[in-house]
Amino acid sequence: MNMTSILEKSRKQLEIAKVHAAHDGKVAQGTRQTAVAAKAKLKQARKLAKFTKKVARKAEDQAEASLETLEKAQARLEKLEKRARKKARKEKPAAQSASKKKPTARPAKPPVKAAPVKARPSVAKPKPVAKPQRKPAAVRPIVKKIMPANPPAQPAPAPAPTEVAAPVPDPGIPPVAS
């Protein structure tokens, strides 16, 4: 072989090796960048998960506080309604007695003496039982269900298969033998 042909062949191999080396270098750099981005995404995902848990805890505590406020308001409303009913009952007999005092043409009947009323022994009313108080948020165990923001769409159910009736032979066409 000729020396020049060997040199040319070596130069071609060198050029091919340079191209391969440059390509492999770019691939390695892209891979490194992907690894760094994945690590950053992982950190970001961890931070996001931590933040989401924190927000969920706050939301649970707020919901519990709102529920307690609702229960207090409901109890207060019931007390006020009870007080209003009691007041209305007291006013009702007074209004009825006022309407009965209209002058009438009939002579008044002599009052009938009622039998003496025996005094009942006083009975102490039982004290209402206090509701058990809820544990503070720091003592209460945290149980959470993390639901995806958008649940996966369920595919529509397939229509029920229908039975296909056998073709009805036409009387004018002779049957084909198979």
Protein backbone atom coordinates (compact mmCIF):
# COMPACT_ATOMS: atom_id res chain seq x y z
CA MET A 1 0.00 0.00 0.00
CA ASN A 2 0.91 3.50 -0.66
CA MET A 3 1.84 5.82 2.20
CA THR A 4 -0.47 8.56 1.00
CA SER A 5 -3.45 6.21 0.92
CA ILE A 6 -2.64 5.13 4.48
CA LEU A 7 -2.43 8.80 5.56
CA GLU A 8 -5.72 9.60 3.86
CA LYS A 9 -7.36 6.61 5.50
CA SER A 10 -6.00 7.68 8.92
CA ARG A 11 -7.19 11.25 8.37
CA LYS A 12 -10.69 9.98 7.50
CA GLN A 13 -10.71 7.83 10.63
CA LEU A 14 -9.53 10.86 12.66
CA GLU A 15 -12.36 13.00 11.24
CA ILE A 16 -14.89 10.24 11.96
CA ALA A 17 -13.51 9.88 15.50
CA LYS A 18 -13.76 13.69 16.00
CA VAL A 19 -17.40 13.67 14.86
CA HIS A 20 -18.21 10.71 17.13
CA ALA A 21 -16.39 12.34 20.07
CA ALA A 22 -18.25 15.63 19.57
CA HIS A 23 -21.56 13.79 19.31
CA ASP A 24 -20.88 11.69 22.40
CA GLY A 25 -19.78 14.84 24.30
CA LYS A 26 -23.06 16.58 23.41
CA VAL A 27 -25.04 13.51 24.48
CA ALA A 28 -23.14 13.37 27.81
CA GLN A 29 -23.73 17.09 28.39
CA GLY A 30 -27.45 16.70 27.62
CA THR A 31 -27.62 13.75 29.99
CA ARG A 32 -25.91 15.76 32.75
CA GLN A 33 -28.34 18.65 32.21
CA THR A 34 -31.27 16.23 32.34
CA ALA A 35 -29.95 14.77 35.61
CA VAL A 36 -29.58 18.25 37.14
CA ALA A 37 -33.08 19.22 35.97
CA ALA A 38 -34.53 15.98 37.36
CA LYS A 39 -32.83 16.64 40.70
CA ALA A 40 -34.23 20.18 40.74
CA LYS A 41 -37.67 18.88 39.84
CA LEU A 42 -37.43 16.32 42.63
CA LYS A 43 -36.52 19.07 45.12
CA GLN A 44 -39.36 21.18 43.80
CA ALA A 45 -41.77 18.24 44.04
CA ARG A 46 -40.69 17.59 47.64
CA LYS A 47 -41.15 21.25 48.52
CA LEU A 48 -44.54 21.28 46.86
CA ALA A 49 -45.62 18.14 48.73
CA LYS A 50 -44.45 19.64 52.03
CA PHE A 51 -46.26 22.91 51.32
CA THR A 52 -49.42 21.06 50.30
CA LYS A 53 -49.42 19.08 53.55
CA LYS A 54 -48.97 22.29 55.53
CA VAL A 55 -51.85 23.97 53.70
CA ALA A 56 -54.03 20.89 54.20
CA ARG A 57 -53.34 20.94 57.96
CA LYS A 58 -54.25 24.61 58.15
CA ALA A 59 -57.42 23.99 56.15
CA GLU A 60 -58.41 21.13 58.47
CA ASP A 61 -57.87 23.29 61.55
CA GLN A 62 -59.85 26.13 59.97
CA ALA A 63 -62.67 23.74 59.06
CA GLU A 64 -62.73 22.45 62.63
CA ALA A 65 -62.84 25.99 64.02
CA SER A 66 -65.68 26.82 61.62
CA LEU A 67 -67.54 23.70 62.72
CA GLU A 68 -67.19 24.68 66.37
CA THR A 69 -68.43 28.19 65.55
CA LEU A 70 -71.37 26.66 63.70
CA GLU A 71 -72.23 24.44 66.66
CA LYS A 72 -72.08 27.43 69.06
CA ALA A 73 -74.28 29.52 66.76
CA GLN A 74 -76.75 26.65 66.43
CA ALA A 75 -76.92 26.21 70.22
CA ARG A 76 -77.44 29.95 70.68
CA LEU A 77 -80.21 29.97 68.06
CA GLU A 78 -81.95 27.05 69.79
CA LYS A 79 -81.77 28.89 73.13
CA LEU A 80 -83.20 32.06 71.58
CA GLU A 81 -86.00 30.13 69.87
CA LYS A 82 -86.83 28.38 73.12
CA ARG A 83 -86.86 31.73 74.95
CA ALA A 84 -89.12 33.23 72.25
CA ARG A 85 -91.56 30.30 72.47
CA LYS A 86 -91.65 30.60 76.26
CA LYS A 87 -92.27 34.34 76.05
CA ALA A 88 -95.01 33.82 73.43
CA ARG A 89 -96.70 31.26 75.72
CA LYS A 90 -96.62 33.72 78.60
CA GLU A 91 -98.07 36.51 76.45
CA LYS A 92 -100.76 34.29 74.93
CA PRO A 93 -102.71 33.66 78.16
CA ALA A 94 -102.54 37.38 79.01
CA ALA A 95 -103.97 38.26 75.60
CA GLN A 96 -106.74 35.67 75.97
CA SER A 97 -107.69 36.91 79.44
CA ALA A 98 -107.80 40.49 78.14
CA SER A 99 -110.21 39.47 75.40
CA LYS A 100 -112.44 37.61 77.93
CA LYS A 101 -112.86 40.69 80.16
CA LYS A 102 -115.30 42.31 77.75
CA PRO A 103 -118.53 43.34 79.49
CA THR A 104 -121.29 40.74 79.19
CA ALA A 105 -125.02 40.89 79.94
CA ARG A 106 -124.95 37.72 82.00
CA PRO A 107 -124.66 37.85 85.73
CA ALA A 108 -121.37 36.68 87.14
CA LYS A 109 -121.30 33.18 88.57
CA PRO A 110 -120.19 32.79 92.15
CA PRO A 111 -116.62 31.51 92.30
CA VAL A 112 -116.19 27.84 92.98
CA LYS A 113 -113.84 27.06 95.82
CA ALA A 114 -111.09 24.74 94.70
CA ALA A 115 -109.64 22.05 96.89
CA PRO A 116 -106.44 23.12 98.60
CA VAL A 117 -103.37 22.27 96.53
CA LYS A 118 -100.79 20.16 98.30
CA ALA A 119 -97.27 21.46 97.98
CA ARG A 120 -95.00 19.15 96.07
CA PRO A 121 -91.61 18.41 97.50
CA SER A 122 -88.96 20.27 95.51
CA VAL A 123 -86.99 18.00 93.24
CA ALA A 124 -83.56 19.15 92.14
CA LYS A 125 -83.21 19.20 88.38
CA PRO A 126 -80.30 17.15 87.09
CA LYS A 127 -77.44 19.22 85.72
CA PRO A 128 -76.97 18.96 81.93
CA VAL A 129 -74.15 16.67 80.90
CA ALA A 130 -71.29 18.60 79.36
CA LYS A 131 -70.31 17.64 75.83
CA PRO A 132 -66.88 16.04 75.55
CA GLN A 133 -64.47 18.64 74.23
CA ARG A 134 -62.41 17.97 71.16
CA LYS A 135 -58.70 17.47 71.45
CA PRO A 136 -56.54 20.40 70.38
CA ALA A 137 -54.95 20.18 66.94
CA ALA A 138 -51.51 19.37 68.38
CA VAL A 139 -52.81 16.26 70.24
CA ARG A 140 -55.21 15.00 67.61
CA PRO A 141 -53.81 12.44 65.12
CA ILE A 142 -53.64 13.70 61.58
CA VAL A 143 -55.47 11.50 59.10
CA LYS A 144 -55.57 12.76 55.57
CA LYS A 145 -56.76 11.54 52.27
CA ILE A 146 -54.97 13.19 49.41
CA MET A 147 -57.21 13.24 46.40
CA PRO A 148 -55.91 14.14 42.94
CA ALA A 149 -57.03 17.55 41.71
CA ASN A 150 -58.67 16.06 38.65
CA PRO A 151 -59.71 12.45 39.09
CA PRO A 152 -59.01 10.32 36.02
CA ALA A 153 -61.91 10.22 33.65
CA GLN A 154 -63.60 6.86 33.53
CA PRO A 155 -64.27 5.50 30.09
CA ALA A 156 -67.89 5.43 29.03
CA PRO A 157 -69.46 1.99 29.44
CA ALA A 158 -69.66 0.03 26.25
CA PRO A 159 -73.16 -0.41 24.91
CA ALA A 160 -74.70 -3.78 25.65
CA PRO A 161 -74.23 -6.19 22.77
CA THR A 162 -77.39 -6.67 20.80
CA GLU A 163 -78.40 -9.94 19.32
CA VAL A 164 -78.30 -10.06 15.55
CA ALA A 165 -81.20 -11.90 14.03
CA ALA A 166 -80.51 -14.42 11.29
CA PRO A 167 -81.25 -13.01 7.85
CA VAL A 168 -84.70 -13.83 6.60
CA PRO A 169 -84.53 -15.60 3.22
CA ASP A 170 -86.37 -13.86 0.42
CA PRO A 171 -88.96 -16.21 -1.09
CA GLY A 172 -88.19 -14.96 -4.61
CA ILE A 173 -84.45 -15.78 -4.46
CA PRO A 174 -83.34 -19.42 -4.37
CA PRO A 175 -80.98 -20.32 -1.45
CA VAL A 176 -77.28 -20.61 -2.26
CA ALA A 177 -75.61 -23.91 -1.33
CA SER A 178 -72.29 -23.58 0.43
